[in-house]
Amino acid sequence: MAEDTLYDRLGGDEGLEAVVDDFYERVLADDDLREYFEDTDMEALRDHQRAFLTMVTGGPTTYDGDDMRAAHAHLDLSVADFEGVAGHLGDALRAAGVSEADREAVLSAVADLEADVLNR
C-alpha cells in the first residue's frame, strides 16, 4: 500500500481547493492585507497557491510560478503581514478539520519561505 502523504491527508485536490478558497476569503476580508490583492488576478493566484500547497505536501503537481522572492518583491511586506497571512492559512486548515500535526507541517513549510517572501 502506498504511503499516505500530507497531500492525501489534506483531502487531495478537493481538500486543498477548499482550504485555498477559505484562506483567500479570510485574507481578502482582512483590512490589513486586502490592499495587497487589489490588482491581482485572484483565480490565477488561487491556482498558484493550490499548486504550491500540492508541491509542499507531497502531491502530484509541481509549482511552476515565480520563486517566492520574485513573486513578492514589489509588495514591501512586513513580518506582521507575513504572520497575518500565515495565521489565515492556519485558520483555514483548522476550519477544514486538518489535524494539529498536519497544520504545523504546512505552516512550517510556509515559515521556511519567510525570508524570501519578505525579500530579506
PDB file of N, CA and C in Angstrom:
ATOM      1  N   MET A   1       0.843  -1.188   0.000  1.00  0.00           N
ATOM      2  CA  MET A   1       0.000   0.000   0.000  1.00  0.00           C
ATOM      3  C   MET A   1       0.884   1.247   0.000  1.00  0.00           C
ATOM      4  N   ALA A   2       0.500   2.236  -0.804  1.00  0.00           N
ATOM      5  CA  ALA A   2       1.276   3.468  -0.897  1.00  0.00           C
ATOM      6  C   ALA A   2       1.218   4.243   0.420  1.00  0.00           C
ATOM      7  N   GLU A   3       2.313   4.938   0.694  1.00  0.00           N
ATOM      8  CA  GLU A   3       2.372   5.753   1.910  1.00  0.00           C
ATOM      9  C   GLU A   3       1.389   6.919   1.808  1.00  0.00           C
ATOM     10  N   ASP A   4       0.714   7.196   2.894  1.00  0.00           N
ATOM     11  CA  ASP A   4      -0.234   8.302   2.987  1.00  0.00           C
ATOM     12  C   ASP A   4       0.557   9.597   3.114  1.00  0.00           C
ATOM     13  N   THR A   5       0.411  10.495   2.136  1.00  0.00           N
ATOM     14  CA  THR A   5       1.146  11.757   2.173  1.00  0.00           C
ATOM     15  C   THR A   5       0.311  12.824   2.881  1.00  0.00           C
ATOM     16  N   LEU A   6       0.966  13.898   3.242  1.00  0.00           N
ATOM     17  CA  LEU A   6       0.272  15.045   3.809  1.00  0.00           C
ATOM     18  C   LEU A   6      -0.781  15.534   2.811  1.00  0.00           C
ATOM     19  N   TYR A   7      -0.443  15.544   1.550  1.00  0.00           N
ATOM     20  CA  TYR A   7      -1.386  15.915   0.491  1.00  0.00           C
ATOM     21  C   TYR A   7      -2.654  15.064   0.587  1.00  0.00           C
ATOM     22  N   ASP A   8      -2.489  13.756   0.727  1.00  0.00           N
ATOM     23  CA  ASP A   8      -3.642  12.855   0.849  1.00  0.00           C
ATOM     24  C   ASP A   8      -4.443  13.162   2.104  1.00  0.00           C
ATOM     25  N   ARG A   9      -3.753  13.388   3.212  1.00  0.00           N
ATOM     26  CA  ARG A   9      -4.446  13.661   4.469  1.00  0.00           C
ATOM     27  C   ARG A   9      -5.209  14.986   4.433  1.00  0.00           C
ATOM     28  N   LEU A  10      -4.760  15.914   3.589  1.00  0.00           N
ATOM     29  CA  LEU A  10      -5.456  17.194   3.443  1.00  0.00           C
ATOM     30  C   LEU A  10      -6.648  17.088   2.492  1.00  0.00           C
ATOM     31  N   GLY A  11      -6.860  15.920   1.924  1.00  0.00           N
ATOM     32  CA  GLY A  11      -8.007  15.718   1.041  1.00  0.00           C
ATOM     33  C   GLY A  11      -7.695  15.858  -0.432  1.00  0.00           C
ATOM     34  N   GLY A  12      -6.404  15.810  -0.789  1.00  0.00           N
ATOM     35  CA  GLY A  12      -6.021  15.886  -2.192  1.00  0.00           C
ATOM     36  C   GLY A  12      -6.443  17.206  -2.816  1.00  0.00           C
ATOM     37  N   ASP A  13      -6.702  17.158  -4.121  1.00  0.00           N
ATOM     38  CA  ASP A  13      -7.062  18.377  -4.859  1.00  0.00           C
ATOM     39  C   ASP A  13      -8.289  19.062  -4.279  1.00  0.00           C
ATOM     40  N   GLU A  14      -9.324  18.290  -3.969  1.00  0.00           N
ATOM     41  CA  GLU A  14     -10.559  18.884  -3.434  1.00  0.00           C
ATOM     42  C   GLU A  14     -10.331  19.543  -2.080  1.00  0.00           C
ATOM     43  N   GLY A  15      -9.601  18.864  -1.224  1.00  0.00           N
ATOM     44  CA  GLY A  15      -9.324  19.420   0.097  1.00  0.00           C
ATOM     45  C   GLY A  15      -8.517  20.697   0.011  1.00  0.00           C
ATOM     46  N   LEU A  16      -7.488  20.699  -0.836  1.00  0.00           N
ATOM     47  CA  LEU A  16      -6.657  21.898  -0.972  1.00  0.00           C
ATOM     48  C   LEU A  16      -7.432  23.037  -1.628  1.00  0.00           C
ATOM     49  N   GLU A  17      -8.290  22.716  -2.569  1.00  0.00           N
ATOM     50  CA  GLU A  17      -9.098  23.761  -3.192  1.00  0.00           C
ATOM     51  C   GLU A  17      -9.983  24.449  -2.147  1.00  0.00           C
ATOM     52  N   ALA A  18     -10.598  23.652  -1.283  1.00  0.00           N
ATOM     53  CA  ALA A  18     -11.451  24.226  -0.231  1.00  0.00           C
ATOM     54  C   ALA A  18     -10.636  25.074   0.740  1.00  0.00           C
ATOM     55  N   VAL A  19      -9.459  24.595   1.116  1.00  0.00           N
ATOM     56  CA  VAL A  19      -8.603  25.353   2.036  1.00  0.00           C
ATOM     57  C   VAL A  19      -8.168  26.665   1.391  1.00  0.00           C
ATOM     58  N   VAL A  20      -7.751  26.620   0.136  1.00  0.00           N
ATOM     59  CA  VAL A  20      -7.286  27.829  -0.546  1.00  0.00           C
ATOM     60  C   VAL A  20      -8.436  28.829  -0.703  1.00  0.00           C
ATOM     61  N   ASP A  21      -9.618  28.353  -1.042  1.00  0.00           N
ATOM     62  CA  ASP A  21     -10.760  29.261  -1.169  1.00  0.00           C
ATOM     63  C   ASP A  21     -11.072  29.938   0.167  1.00  0.00           C
ATOM     64  N   ASP A  22     -11.115  29.153   1.243  1.00  0.00           N
ATOM     65  CA  ASP A  22     -11.380  29.716   2.570  1.00  0.00           C
ATOM     66  C   ASP A  22     -10.261  30.673   2.969  1.00  0.00           C
ATOM     67  N   PHE A  23      -9.019  30.290   2.707  1.00  0.00           N
ATOM     68  CA  PHE A  23      -7.861  31.120   3.028  1.00  0.00           C
ATOM     69  C   PHE A  23      -7.982  32.495   2.381  1.00  0.00           C
ATOM     70  N   TYR A  24      -8.281  32.542   1.081  1.00  0.00           N
ATOM     71  CA  TYR A  24      -8.364  33.843   0.413  1.00  0.00           C
ATOM     72  C   TYR A  24      -9.592  34.639   0.834  1.00  0.00           C
ATOM     73  N   GLU A  25     -10.659  33.972   1.194  1.00  0.00           N
ATOM     74  CA  GLU A  25     -11.801  34.709   1.759  1.00  0.00           C
ATOM     75  C   GLU A  25     -11.373  35.423   3.036  1.00  0.00           C
ATOM     76  N   ARG A  26     -10.610  34.739   3.857  1.00  0.00           N
ATOM     77  CA  ARG A  26     -10.131  35.328   5.111  1.00  0.00           C
ATOM     78  C   ARG A  26      -9.150  36.486   4.849  1.00  0.00           C
ATOM     79  N   VAL A  27      -8.220  36.267   3.929  1.00  0.00           N
ATOM     80  CA  VAL A  27      -7.219  37.295   3.624  1.00  0.00           C
ATOM     81  C   VAL A  27      -7.893  38.537   3.044  1.00  0.00           C
ATOM     82  N   LEU A  28      -8.825  38.345   2.119  1.00  0.00           N
ATOM     83  CA  LEU A  28      -9.480  39.483   1.468  1.00  0.00           C
ATOM     84  C   LEU A  28     -10.423  40.225   2.402  1.00  0.00           C
ATOM     85  N   ALA A  29     -10.829  39.588   3.483  1.00  0.00           N
ATOM     86  CA  ALA A  29     -11.673  40.247   4.488  1.00  0.00           C
ATOM     87  C   ALA A  29     -10.844  40.980   5.540  1.00  0.00           C
ATOM     88  N   ASP A  30      -9.529  40.807   5.495  1.00  0.00           N
ATOM     89  CA  ASP A  30      -8.625  41.397   6.476  1.00  0.00           C
ATOM     90  C   ASP A  30      -8.226  42.804   6.017  1.00  0.00           C
ATOM     91  N   ASP A  31      -8.627  43.811   6.783  1.00  0.00           N
ATOM     92  CA  ASP A  31      -8.340  45.204   6.426  1.00  0.00           C
ATOM     93  C   ASP A  31      -6.849  45.484   6.273  1.00  0.00           C
ATOM     94  N   ASP A  32      -6.017  44.744   6.980  1.00  0.00           N
ATOM     95  CA  ASP A  32      -4.574  44.978   6.916  1.00  0.00           C
ATOM     96  C   ASP A  32      -3.916  44.320   5.704  1.00  0.00           C
ATOM     97  N   LEU A  33      -4.604  43.373   5.064  1.00  0.00           N
ATOM     98  CA  LEU A  33      -3.990  42.612   3.981  1.00  0.00           C
ATOM     99  C   LEU A  33      -4.645  42.807   2.620  1.00  0.00           C
ATOM    100  N   ARG A  34      -5.913  43.157   2.583  1.00  0.00           N
ATOM    101  CA  ARG A  34      -6.647  43.149   1.314  1.00  0.00           C
ATOM    102  C   ARG A  34      -6.022  44.042   0.252  1.00  0.00           C
ATOM    103  N   GLU A  35      -5.401  45.147   0.671  1.00  0.00           N
ATOM    104  CA  GLU A  35      -4.824  46.082  -0.300  1.00  0.00           C
ATOM    105  C   GLU A  35      -3.760  45.438  -1.174  1.00  0.00           C
ATOM    106  N   TYR A  36      -3.071  44.428  -0.655  1.00  0.00           N
ATOM    107  CA  TYR A  36      -2.031  43.755  -1.429  1.00  0.00           C
ATOM    108  C   TYR A  36      -2.600  42.987  -2.618  1.00  0.00           C
ATOM    109  N   PHE A  37      -3.892  42.749  -2.614  1.00  0.00           N
ATOM    110  CA  PHE A  37      -4.526  41.915  -3.637  1.00  0.00           C
ATOM    111  C   PHE A  37      -5.448  42.693  -4.562  1.00  0.00           C
ATOM    112  N   GLU A  38      -5.454  44.018  -4.454  1.00  0.00           N
ATOM    113  CA  GLU A  38      -6.397  44.844  -5.205  1.00  0.00           C
ATOM    114  C   GLU A  38      -6.289  44.680  -6.713  1.00  0.00           C
ATOM    115  N   ASP A  39      -5.104  44.604  -7.247  1.00  0.00           N
ATOM    116  CA  ASP A  39      -4.925  44.484  -8.698  1.00  0.00           C
ATOM    117  C   ASP A  39      -4.408  43.106  -9.087  1.00  0.00           C
ATOM    118  N   THR A  40      -4.873  42.097  -8.388  1.00  0.00           N
ATOM    119  CA  THR A  40      -4.389  40.738  -8.578  1.00  0.00           C
ATOM    120  C   THR A  40      -5.455  39.879  -9.239  1.00  0.00           C
ATOM    121  N   ASP A  41      -5.036  39.056 -10.185  1.00  0.00           N
ATOM    122  CA  ASP A  41      -5.913  38.058 -10.782  1.00  0.00           C
ATOM    123  C   ASP A  41      -6.067  36.944  -9.740  1.00  0.00           C
ATOM    124  N   MET A  42      -7.150  37.003  -8.998  1.00  0.00           N
ATOM    125  CA  MET A  42      -7.312  36.085  -7.863  1.00  0.00           C
ATOM    126  C   MET A  42      -7.453  34.634  -8.299  1.00  0.00           C
ATOM    127  N   GLU A  43      -8.046  34.370  -9.449  1.00  0.00           N
ATOM    128  CA  GLU A  43      -8.156  32.978  -9.900  1.00  0.00           C
ATOM    129  C   GLU A  43      -6.769  32.410 -10.196  1.00  0.00           C
ATOM    130  N   ALA A  44      -5.923  33.208 -10.843  1.00  0.00           N
ATOM    131  CA  ALA A  44      -4.555  32.763 -11.103  1.00  0.00           C
ATOM    132  C   ALA A  44      -3.791  32.576  -9.795  1.00  0.00           C
ATOM    133  N   LEU A  45      -3.994  33.488  -8.857  1.00  0.00           N
ATOM    134  CA  LEU A  45      -3.322  33.375  -7.569  1.00  0.00           C
ATOM    135  C   LEU A  45      -3.784  32.131  -6.815  1.00  0.00           C
ATOM    136  N   ARG A  46      -5.074  31.847  -6.854  1.00  0.00           N
ATOM    137  CA  ARG A  46      -5.596  30.628  -6.214  1.00  0.00           C
ATOM    138  C   ARG A  46      -4.964  29.390  -6.852  1.00  0.00           C
ATOM    139  N   ASP A  47      -4.846  29.394  -8.180  1.00  0.00           N
ATOM    140  CA  ASP A  47      -4.221  28.260  -8.872  1.00  0.00           C
ATOM    141  C   ASP A  47      -2.772  28.084  -8.431  1.00  0.00           C
ATOM    142  N   HIS A  48      -2.032  29.188  -8.333  1.00  0.00           N
ATOM    143  CA  HIS A  48      -0.640  29.111  -7.886  1.00  0.00           C
ATOM    144  C   HIS A  48      -0.555  28.621  -6.446  1.00  0.00           C
ATOM    145  N   GLN A  49      -1.448  29.097  -5.599  1.00  0.00           N
ATOM    146  CA  GLN A  49      -1.428  28.679  -4.194  1.00  0.00           C
ATOM    147  C   GLN A  49      -1.736  27.187  -4.067  1.00  0.00           C
ATOM    148  N   ARG A  50      -2.733  26.710  -4.827  1.00  0.00           N
ATOM    149  CA  ARG A  50      -3.049  25.274  -4.802  1.00  0.00           C
ATOM    150  C   ARG A  50      -1.857  24.455  -5.281  1.00  0.00           C
ATOM    151  N   ALA A  51      -1.223  24.902  -6.367  1.00  0.00           N
ATOM    152  CA  ALA A  51      -0.054  24.177  -6.887  1.00  0.00           C
ATOM    153  C   ALA A  51       1.091  24.183  -5.872  1.00  0.00           C
ATOM    154  N   PHE A  52       1.305  25.326  -5.236  1.00  0.00           N
ATOM    155  CA  PHE A  52       2.356  25.419  -4.222  1.00  0.00           C
ATOM    156  C   PHE A  52       2.063  24.459  -3.064  1.00  0.00           C
ATOM    157  N   LEU A  53       0.838  24.500  -2.538  1.00  0.00           N
ATOM    158  CA  LEU A  53       0.495  23.625  -1.415  1.00  0.00           C
ATOM    159  C   LEU A  53       0.540  22.157  -1.823  1.00  0.00           C
ATOM    160  N   THR A  54       0.153  21.862  -3.050  1.00  0.00           N
ATOM    161  CA  THR A  54       0.256  20.482  -3.537  1.00  0.00           C
ATOM    162  C   THR A  54       1.703  20.025  -3.517  1.00  0.00           C
ATOM    163  N   MET A  55       2.600  20.875  -3.991  1.00  0.00           N
ATOM    164  CA  MET A  55       4.018  20.527  -4.033  1.00  0.00           C
ATOM    165  C   MET A  55       4.586  20.309  -2.635  1.00  0.00           C
ATOM    166  N   VAL A  56       4.333  21.256  -1.719  1.00  0.00           N
ATOM    167  CA  VAL A  56       4.966  21.152  -0.398  1.00  0.00           C
ATOM    168  C   VAL A  56       4.337  20.067   0.472  1.00  0.00           C
ATOM    169  N   THR A  57       3.190  19.537   0.060  1.00  0.00           N
ATOM    170  CA  THR A  57       2.554  18.479   0.846  1.00  0.00           C
ATOM    171  C   THR A  57       2.713  17.097   0.203  1.00  0.00           C
ATOM    172  N   GLY A  58       3.516  17.006  -0.857  1.00  0.00           N
ATOM    173  CA  GLY A  58       3.808  15.704  -1.455  1.00  0.00           C
ATOM    174  C   GLY A  58       2.821  15.264  -2.516  1.00  0.00           C
ATOM    175  N   GLY A  59       2.078  16.201  -3.067  1.00  0.00           N
ATOM    176  CA  GLY A  59       1.100  15.876  -4.098  1.00  0.00           C
ATOM    177  C   GLY A  59       1.721  15.718  -5.470  1.00  0.00           C
ATOM    178  N   PRO A  60       0.889  15.444  -6.478  1.00  0.00           N
ATOM    179  CA  PRO A  60       1.378  15.065  -7.802  1.00  0.00           C
ATOM    180  C   PRO A  60       1.823  16.194  -8.724  1.00  0.00           C
ATOM    181  N   THR A  61       1.544  17.440  -8.412  1.00  0.00           N
ATOM    182  CA  THR A  61       1.938  18.518  -9.317  1.00  0.00           C
ATOM    183  C   THR A  61       3.131  19.267  -8.761  1.00  0.00           C
ATOM    184  N   THR A  62       3.778  19.996  -9.632  1.00  0.00           N
ATOM    185  CA  THR A  62       4.888  20.829  -9.188  1.00  0.00           C
ATOM    186  C   THR A  62       4.516  22.291  -9.390  1.00  0.00           C
ATOM    187  N   TYR A  63       4.980  23.110  -8.510  1.00  0.00           N
ATOM    188  CA  TYR A  63       4.749  24.543  -8.579  1.00  0.00           C
ATOM    189  C   TYR A  63       5.645  25.113  -9.666  1.00  0.00           C
ATOM    190  N   ASP A  64       5.056  25.883 -10.591  1.00  0.00           N
ATOM    191  CA  ASP A  64       5.862  26.453 -11.669  1.00  0.00           C
ATOM    192  C   ASP A  64       5.770  27.975 -11.734  1.00  0.00           C
ATOM    193  N   GLY A  65       5.318  28.581 -10.641  1.00  0.00           N
ATOM    194  CA  GLY A  65       5.232  30.038 -10.597  1.00  0.00           C
ATOM    195  C   GLY A  65       6.587  30.646 -10.308  1.00  0.00           C
ATOM    196  N   ASP A  66       6.603  31.971 -10.198  1.00  0.00           N
ATOM    197  CA  ASP A  66       7.840  32.660  -9.839  1.00  0.00           C
ATOM    198  C   ASP A  66       8.324  32.165  -8.484  1.00  0.00           C
ATOM    199  N   ASP A  67       9.644  32.282  -8.266  1.00  0.00           N
ATOM    200  CA  ASP A  67      10.114  31.943  -6.931  1.00  0.00           C
ATOM    201  C   ASP A  67       9.546  32.974  -5.958  1.00  0.00           C
ATOM    202  N   MET A  68       9.538  32.639  -4.700  1.00  0.00           N
ATOM    203  CA  MET A  68       8.859  33.457  -3.694  1.00  0.00           C
ATOM    204  C   MET A  68       9.421  34.876  -3.616  1.00  0.00           C
ATOM    205  N   ARG A  69      10.716  35.012  -3.752  1.00  0.00           N
ATOM    206  CA  ARG A  69      11.327  36.337  -3.678  1.00  0.00           C
ATOM    207  C   ARG A  69      10.839  37.205  -4.844  1.00  0.00           C
ATOM    208  N   ALA A  70      10.882  36.682  -6.054  1.00  0.00           N
ATOM    209  CA  ALA A  70      10.456  37.442  -7.231  1.00  0.00           C
ATOM    210  C   ALA A  70       8.957  37.744  -7.181  1.00  0.00           C
ATOM    211  N   ALA A  71       8.170  36.790  -6.741  1.00  0.00           N
ATOM    212  CA  ALA A  71       6.717  36.967  -6.719  1.00  0.00           C
ATOM    213  C   ALA A  71       6.264  38.041  -5.737  1.00  0.00           C
ATOM    214  N   HIS A  72       7.049  38.275  -4.691  1.00  0.00           N
ATOM    215  CA  HIS A  72       6.639  39.213  -3.642  1.00  0.00           C
ATOM    216  C   HIS A  72       7.491  40.476  -3.576  1.00  0.00           C
ATOM    217  N   ALA A  73       8.472  40.617  -4.461  1.00  0.00           N
ATOM    218  CA  ALA A  73       9.436  41.718  -4.392  1.00  0.00           C
ATOM    219  C   ALA A  73       8.778  43.091  -4.425  1.00  0.00           C
ATOM    220  N   HIS A  74       7.723  43.248  -5.160  1.00  0.00           N
ATOM    221  CA  HIS A  74       7.087  44.562  -5.341  1.00  0.00           C
ATOM    222  C   HIS A  74       6.158  44.954  -4.195  1.00  0.00           C
ATOM    223  N   LEU A  75       5.973  44.099  -3.192  1.00  0.00           N
ATOM    224  CA  LEU A  75       4.938  44.318  -2.179  1.00  0.00           C
ATOM    225  C   LEU A  75       5.395  45.029  -0.911  1.00  0.00           C
ATOM    226  N   ASP A  76       6.673  45.026  -0.603  1.00  0.00           N
ATOM    227  CA  ASP A  76       7.169  45.653   0.623  1.00  0.00           C
ATOM    228  C   ASP A  76       6.415  45.143   1.857  1.00  0.00           C
ATOM    229  N   LEU A  77       6.392  43.830   2.004  1.00  0.00           N
ATOM    230  CA  LEU A  77       5.674  43.189   3.108  1.00  0.00           C
ATOM    231  C   LEU A  77       6.449  43.270   4.411  1.00  0.00           C
ATOM    232  N   SER A  78       5.713  43.302   5.514  1.00  0.00           N
ATOM    233  CA  SER A  78       6.318  43.312   6.849  1.00  0.00           C
ATOM    234  C   SER A  78       6.170  41.923   7.482  1.00  0.00           C
ATOM    235  N   VAL A  79       6.859  41.728   8.578  1.00  0.00           N
ATOM    236  CA  VAL A  79       6.719  40.488   9.341  1.00  0.00           C
ATOM    237  C   VAL A  79       5.257  40.320   9.775  1.00  0.00           C
ATOM    238  N   ALA A  80       4.614  41.406  10.185  1.00  0.00           N
ATOM    239  CA  ALA A  80       3.208  41.329  10.592  1.00  0.00           C
ATOM    240  C   ALA A  80       2.322  40.883   9.434  1.00  0.00           C
ATOM    241  N   ASP A  81       2.611  41.335   8.218  1.00  0.00           N
ATOM    242  CA  ASP A  81       1.847  40.891   7.048  1.00  0.00           C
ATOM    243  C   ASP A  81       2.026  39.392   6.838  1.00  0.00           C
ATOM    244  N   PHE A  82       3.276  38.949   6.903  1.00  0.00           N
ATOM    245  CA  PHE A  82       3.565  37.527   6.711  1.00  0.00           C
ATOM    246  C   PHE A  82       2.846  36.694   7.771  1.00  0.00           C
ATOM    247  N   GLU A  83       2.936  37.123   9.011  1.00  0.00           N
ATOM    248  CA  GLU A  83       2.288  36.385  10.106  1.00  0.00           C
ATOM    249  C   GLU A  83       0.765  36.407   9.961  1.00  0.00           C
ATOM    250  N   GLY A  84       0.215  37.512   9.483  1.00  0.00           N
ATOM    251  CA  GLY A  84      -1.223  37.590   9.269  1.00  0.00           C
ATOM    252  C   GLY A  84      -1.681  36.602   8.216  1.00  0.00           C
ATOM    253  N   VAL A  85      -0.951  36.528   7.113  1.00  0.00           N
ATOM    254  CA  VAL A  85      -1.291  35.592   6.045  1.00  0.00           C
ATOM    255  C   VAL A  85      -1.149  34.153   6.546  1.00  0.00           C
ATOM    256  N   ALA A  86      -0.059  33.864   7.236  1.00  0.00           N
ATOM    257  CA  ALA A  86       0.145  32.516   7.778  1.00  0.00           C
ATOM    258  C   ALA A  86      -0.952  32.163   8.774  1.00  0.00           C
ATOM    259  N   GLY A  87      -1.365  33.126   9.585  1.00  0.00           N
ATOM    260  CA  GLY A  87      -2.449  32.890  10.539  1.00  0.00           C
ATOM    261  C   GLY A  87      -3.749  32.538   9.839  1.00  0.00           C
ATOM    262  N   HIS A  88      -4.048  33.226   8.730  1.00  0.00           N
ATOM    263  CA  HIS A  88      -5.265  32.913   7.975  1.00  0.00           C
ATOM    264  C   HIS A  88      -5.181  31.525   7.351  1.00  0.00           C
ATOM    265  N   LEU A  89      -3.984  31.142   6.904  1.00  0.00           N
ATOM    266  CA  LEU A  89      -3.825  29.795   6.368  1.00  0.00           C
ATOM    267  C   LEU A  89      -4.057  28.758   7.467  1.00  0.00           C
ATOM    268  N   GLY A  90      -3.477  29.005   8.635  1.00  0.00           N
ATOM    269  CA  GLY A  90      -3.697  28.094   9.758  1.00  0.00           C
ATOM    270  C   GLY A  90      -5.166  27.992  10.126  1.00  0.00           C
ATOM    271  N   ASP A  91      -5.868  29.118  10.123  1.00  0.00           N
ATOM    272  CA  ASP A  91      -7.301  29.115  10.435  1.00  0.00           C
ATOM    273  C   ASP A  91      -8.100  28.352   9.382  1.00  0.00           C
ATOM    274  N   ALA A  92      -7.737  28.518   8.106  1.00  0.00           N
ATOM    275  CA  ALA A  92      -8.429  27.800   7.037  1.00  0.00           C
ATOM    276  C   ALA A  92      -8.186  26.294   7.148  1.00  0.00           C
ATOM    277  N   LEU A  93      -6.966  25.913   7.498  1.00  0.00           N
ATOM    278  CA  LEU A  93      -6.665  24.491   7.696  1.00  0.00           C
ATOM    279  C   LEU A  93      -7.453  23.932   8.885  1.00  0.00           C
ATOM    280  N   ARG A  94      -7.503  24.694   9.961  1.00  0.00           N
ATOM    281  CA  ARG A  94      -8.255  24.275  11.152  1.00  0.00           C
ATOM    282  C   ARG A  94      -9.737  24.114  10.812  1.00  0.00           C
ATOM    283  N   ALA A  95     -10.303  25.074  10.086  1.00  0.00           N
ATOM    284  CA  ALA A  95     -11.711  25.023   9.709  1.00  0.00           C
ATOM    285  C   ALA A  95     -12.016  23.824   8.815  1.00  0.00           C
ATOM    286  N   ALA A  96     -11.012  23.357   8.078  1.00  0.00           N
ATOM    287  CA  ALA A  96     -11.181  22.188   7.213  1.00  0.00           C
ATOM    288  C   ALA A  96     -11.012  20.880   7.973  1.00  0.00           C
ATOM    289  N   GLY A  97     -10.733  20.974   9.280  1.00  0.00           N
ATOM    290  CA  GLY A  97     -10.601  19.776  10.090  1.00  0.00           C
ATOM    291  C   GLY A  97      -9.232  19.127  10.020  1.00  0.00           C
ATOM    292  N   VAL A  98      -8.235  19.868   9.570  1.00  0.00           N
ATOM    293  CA  VAL A  98      -6.875  19.337   9.465  1.00  0.00           C
ATOM    294  C   VAL A  98      -6.292  19.205  10.870  1.00  0.00           C
ATOM    295  N   SER A  99      -5.638  18.089  11.131  1.00  0.00           N
ATOM    296  CA  SER A  99      -5.067  17.834  12.454  1.00  0.00           C
ATOM    297  C   SER A  99      -3.998  18.864  12.789  1.00  0.00           C
ATOM    298  N   GLU A 100      -3.752  19.021  14.075  1.00  0.00           N
ATOM    299  CA  GLU A 100      -2.726  19.961  14.549  1.00  0.00           C
ATOM    300  C   GLU A 100      -1.365  19.637  13.944  1.00  0.00           C
ATOM    301  N   ALA A 101      -1.002  18.364  13.923  1.00  0.00           N
ATOM    302  CA  ALA A 101       0.308  17.965  13.385  1.00  0.00           C
ATOM    303  C   ALA A 101       0.415  18.312  11.904  1.00  0.00           C
ATOM    304  N   ASP A 102      -0.632  18.074  11.138  1.00  0.00           N
ATOM    305  CA  ASP A 102      -0.595  18.385   9.715  1.00  0.00           C
ATOM    306  C   ASP A 102      -0.628  19.893   9.470  1.00  0.00           C
ATOM    307  N   ARG A 103      -1.374  20.632  10.294  1.00  0.00           N
ATOM    308  CA  ARG A 103      -1.354  22.101  10.180  1.00  0.00           C
ATOM    309  C   ARG A 103       0.053  22.615  10.421  1.00  0.00           C
ATOM    310  N   GLU A 104       0.691  22.102  11.454  1.00  0.00           N
ATOM    311  CA  GLU A 104       2.050  22.528  11.773  1.00  0.00           C
ATOM    312  C   GLU A 104       3.016  22.200  10.642  1.00  0.00           C
ATOM    313  N   ALA A 105       2.836  21.061   9.989  1.00  0.00           N
ATOM    314  CA  ALA A 105       3.704  20.697   8.872  1.00  0.00           C
ATOM    315  C   ALA A 105       3.554  21.679   7.713  1.00  0.00           C
ATOM    316  N   VAL A 106       2.324  22.046   7.393  1.00  0.00           N
ATOM    317  CA  VAL A 106       2.091  23.014   6.321  1.00  0.00           C
ATOM    318  C   VAL A 106       2.658  24.378   6.708  1.00  0.00           C
ATOM    319  N   LEU A 107       2.359  24.826   7.914  1.00  0.00           N
ATOM    320  CA  LEU A 107       2.822  26.136   8.356  1.00  0.00           C
ATOM    321  C   LEU A 107       4.340  26.198   8.481  1.00  0.00           C
ATOM    322  N   SER A 108       4.963  25.080   8.790  1.00  0.00           N
ATOM    323  CA  SER A 108       6.421  25.020   8.846  1.00  0.00           C
ATOM    324  C   SER A 108       7.010  25.226   7.454  1.00  0.00           C
ATOM    325  N   ALA A 109       6.393  24.603   6.449  1.00  0.00           N
ATOM    326  CA  ALA A 109       6.853  24.787   5.069  1.00  0.00           C
ATOM    327  C   ALA A 109       6.705  26.242   4.648  1.00  0.00           C
ATOM    328  N   VAL A 110       5.623  26.871   5.068  1.00  0.00           N
ATOM    329  CA  VAL A 110       5.402  28.288   4.765  1.00  0.00           C
ATOM    330  C   VAL A 110       6.425  29.144   5.513  1.00  0.00           C
ATOM    331  N   ALA A 111       6.659  28.858   6.778  1.00  0.00           N
ATOM    332  CA  ALA A 111       7.608  29.637   7.582  1.00  0.00           C
ATOM    333  C   ALA A 111       9.012  29.590   6.990  1.00  0.00           C
ATOM    334  N   ASP A 112       9.357  28.473   6.366  1.00  0.00           N
ATOM    335  CA  ASP A 112      10.674  28.351   5.746  1.00  0.00           C
ATOM    336  C   ASP A 112      10.876  29.357   4.615  1.00  0.00           C
ATOM    337  N   LEU A 113       9.789  29.922   4.110  1.00  0.00           N
ATOM    338  CA  LEU A 113       9.854  30.866   2.996  1.00  0.00           C
ATOM    339  C   LEU A 113       9.814  32.328   3.428  1.00  0.00           C
ATOM    340  N   GLU A 114       9.742  32.564   4.730  1.00  0.00           N
ATOM    341  CA  GLU A 114       9.570  33.936   5.220  1.00  0.00           C
ATOM    342  C   GLU A 114      10.637  34.902   4.686  1.00  0.00           C
ATOM    343  N   ALA A 115      11.878  34.535   4.741  1.00  0.00           N
ATOM    344  CA  ALA A 115      12.942  35.444   4.285  1.00  0.00           C
ATOM    345  C   ALA A 115      12.774  35.793   2.815  1.00  0.00           C
ATOM    346  N   ASP A 116      12.418  34.816   2.003  1.00  0.00           N
ATOM    347  CA  ASP A 116      12.232  35.089   0.571  1.00  0.00           C
ATOM    348  C   ASP A 116      11.011  35.954   0.336  1.00  0.00           C
ATOM    349  N   VAL A 117       9.890  35.646   0.992  1.00  0.00           N
ATOM    350  CA  VAL A 117       8.670  36.420   0.807  1.00  0.00           C
ATOM    351  C   VAL A 117       8.877  37.878   1.244  1.00  0.00           C
ATOM    352  N   LEU A 118       9.640  38.067   2.302  1.00  0.00           N
ATOM    353  CA  LEU A 118       9.904  39.410   2.811  1.00  0.00           C
ATOM    354  C   LEU A 118      11.117  40.059   2.146  1.00  0.00           C
ATOM    355  N   ASN A 119      11.724  39.346   1.184  1.00  0.00           N
ATOM    356  CA  ASN A 119      12.895  39.841   0.451  1.00  0.00           C
ATOM    357  C   ASN A 119      14.023  40.258   1.377  1.00  0.00           C
ATOM    358  N   ARG A 120      14.352  39.358   2.290  1.00  0.00           N
ATOM    359  CA  ARG A 120      15.449  39.618   3.236  1.00  0.00           C
ATOM    360  C   ARG A 120      16.564  38.622   3.029  1.00  0.00           C
TER     361      ARG A 120
END
